[in-house]
Amino acid sequence: MDDARLPDEFDHEAAQALGQLVEQVIAVPSRRLDFRADPVGTAEAAGVNITEKTTRVILTLAGLSPSELRLLSELNRTLINEGLYVETGNPPLMIY
């Protein structure tokens, strides 16, 4: 069995920004509401590095319902607790 590996084109900075978005915005109920109203602005206010790539991901996530965002946050926490994550330089990001 081969060990898991990251693709050569893995974008560490975007992964770190996504981990930060999930941990500091998606996982916080009041920020989820702000995120639904102004996804890019809320992410930026939380210190997420905004690039073309992260904007595309942010806008995709903004299409999720509040309950879907909550479930994403819970899944993220569960997978991290089970050691199924990529260390992005903190916070870690789930893998699935």
Protein backbone atom coordinates (compact mmCIF):
# COMPACT_ATOMS: atom_id res chain seq x y z
CA MET A 1 0.00 0.00 0.00
CA ASP A 2 1.36 3.39 -0.99
CA ASP A 3 1.41 6.25 1.49
CA ALA A 4 -0.85 9.18 0.77
CA ARG A 5 0.89 12.09 -0.88
CA LEU A 6 0.05 15.60 -1.94
CA PRO A 7 0.00 16.37 -5.66
CA ASP A 8 2.97 18.33 -6.99
CA GLU A 9 0.72 21.33 -7.67
CA PHE A 10 -0.73 21.36 -4.14
CA ASP A 11 -1.19 24.99 -3.11
CA HIS A 12 -0.08 25.17 0.53
CA GLU A 13 -1.05 28.83 0.91
CA ALA A 14 -4.58 28.25 -0.40
CA ALA A 15 -4.95 25.17 1.82
CA GLN A 16 -3.87 27.20 4.84
CA ALA A 17 -6.36 29.93 3.92
CA LEU A 18 -9.13 27.34 3.57
CA GLY A 19 -8.23 25.81 6.94
CA GLN A 20 -8.38 29.27 8.48
CA LEU A 21 -11.73 29.95 6.80
CA VAL A 22 -13.24 26.73 8.15
CA GLU A 23 -11.80 27.16 11.66
CA GLN A 24 -12.39 30.89 12.15
CA VAL A 25 -15.53 31.50 10.09
CA ILE A 26 -17.46 28.35 9.18
CA ALA A 27 -17.06 26.81 12.66
CA VAL A 28 -18.39 29.91 14.46
CA PRO A 29 -22.21 30.18 14.33
CA SER A 30 -22.37 34.00 14.35
CA ARG A 31 -19.68 34.21 11.68
CA ARG A 32 -21.54 31.67 9.53
CA LEU A 33 -24.42 34.16 9.41
CA ASP A 34 -22.04 36.97 8.46
CA PHE A 35 -20.42 34.68 5.88
CA ARG A 36 -23.78 34.00 4.21
CA ALA A 37 -24.40 37.78 3.94
CA ASP A 38 -20.88 38.74 2.75
CA PRO A 39 -18.69 35.69 2.13
CA VAL A 40 -15.54 37.35 0.82
CA GLY A 41 -15.71 40.30 3.23
CA THR A 42 -16.24 38.04 6.23
CA ALA A 43 -13.36 35.77 5.20
CA GLU A 44 -11.10 38.79 4.68
CA ALA A 45 -12.09 40.25 8.06
CA ALA A 46 -11.06 36.93 9.65
CA GLY A 47 -7.62 37.28 8.09
CA VAL A 48 -8.06 34.77 5.28
CA ASN A 49 -5.71 35.45 2.38
CA ILE A 50 -8.00 36.41 -0.53
CA THR A 51 -6.78 35.31 -3.95
CA GLU A 52 -8.57 34.24 -7.13
CA LYS A 53 -8.37 30.62 -5.97
CA THR A 54 -9.59 31.24 -2.43
CA THR A 55 -12.36 33.49 -3.75
CA ARG A 56 -13.63 30.64 -5.95
CA VAL A 57 -13.67 28.30 -2.94
CA ILE A 58 -15.28 30.92 -0.71
CA LEU A 59 -18.05 31.57 -3.24
CA THR A 60 -18.65 27.83 -3.64
CA LEU A 61 -18.98 27.46 0.13
CA ALA A 62 -21.27 30.50 0.23
CA GLY A 63 -23.75 28.50 -1.84
CA LEU A 64 -24.20 26.03 1.03
CA SER A 65 -27.08 26.37 3.47
CA PRO A 66 -26.38 27.24 7.12
CA SER A 67 -26.98 23.62 8.13
CA GLU A 68 -24.60 22.38 5.42
CA LEU A 69 -21.93 24.80 6.66
CA ARG A 70 -22.45 23.53 10.22
CA LEU A 71 -22.11 19.92 9.03
CA LEU A 72 -18.95 20.81 7.10
CA SER A 73 -17.51 22.31 10.28
CA GLU A 74 -18.44 19.23 12.32
CA LEU A 75 -16.95 16.93 9.69
CA ASN A 76 -13.77 18.99 9.68
CA ARG A 77 -13.44 18.73 13.48
CA THR A 78 -14.20 14.99 13.49
CA LEU A 79 -11.65 14.18 10.80
CA ILE A 80 -9.00 16.33 12.50
CA ASN A 81 -9.69 14.58 15.81
CA GLU A 82 -9.25 11.23 14.06
CA GLY A 83 -5.90 12.30 12.57
CA LEU A 84 -7.25 12.58 9.04
CA TYR A 85 -5.94 15.98 8.12
CA VAL A 86 -3.21 17.82 6.28
CA GLU A 87 -1.05 20.11 8.40
CA THR A 88 -1.25 23.42 6.56
CA GLY A 89 0.76 25.46 9.04
CA ASN A 90 -2.17 25.75 11.43
CA PRO A 91 -5.03 25.29 11.44
CA PRO A 92 -4.99 21.82 9.93
CA LEU A 93 -7.46 20.94 7.19
CA MET A 94 -9.51 17.76 6.93
CA ILE A 95 -8.93 15.29 4.15
CA TYR A 96 -11.60 13.08 2.66
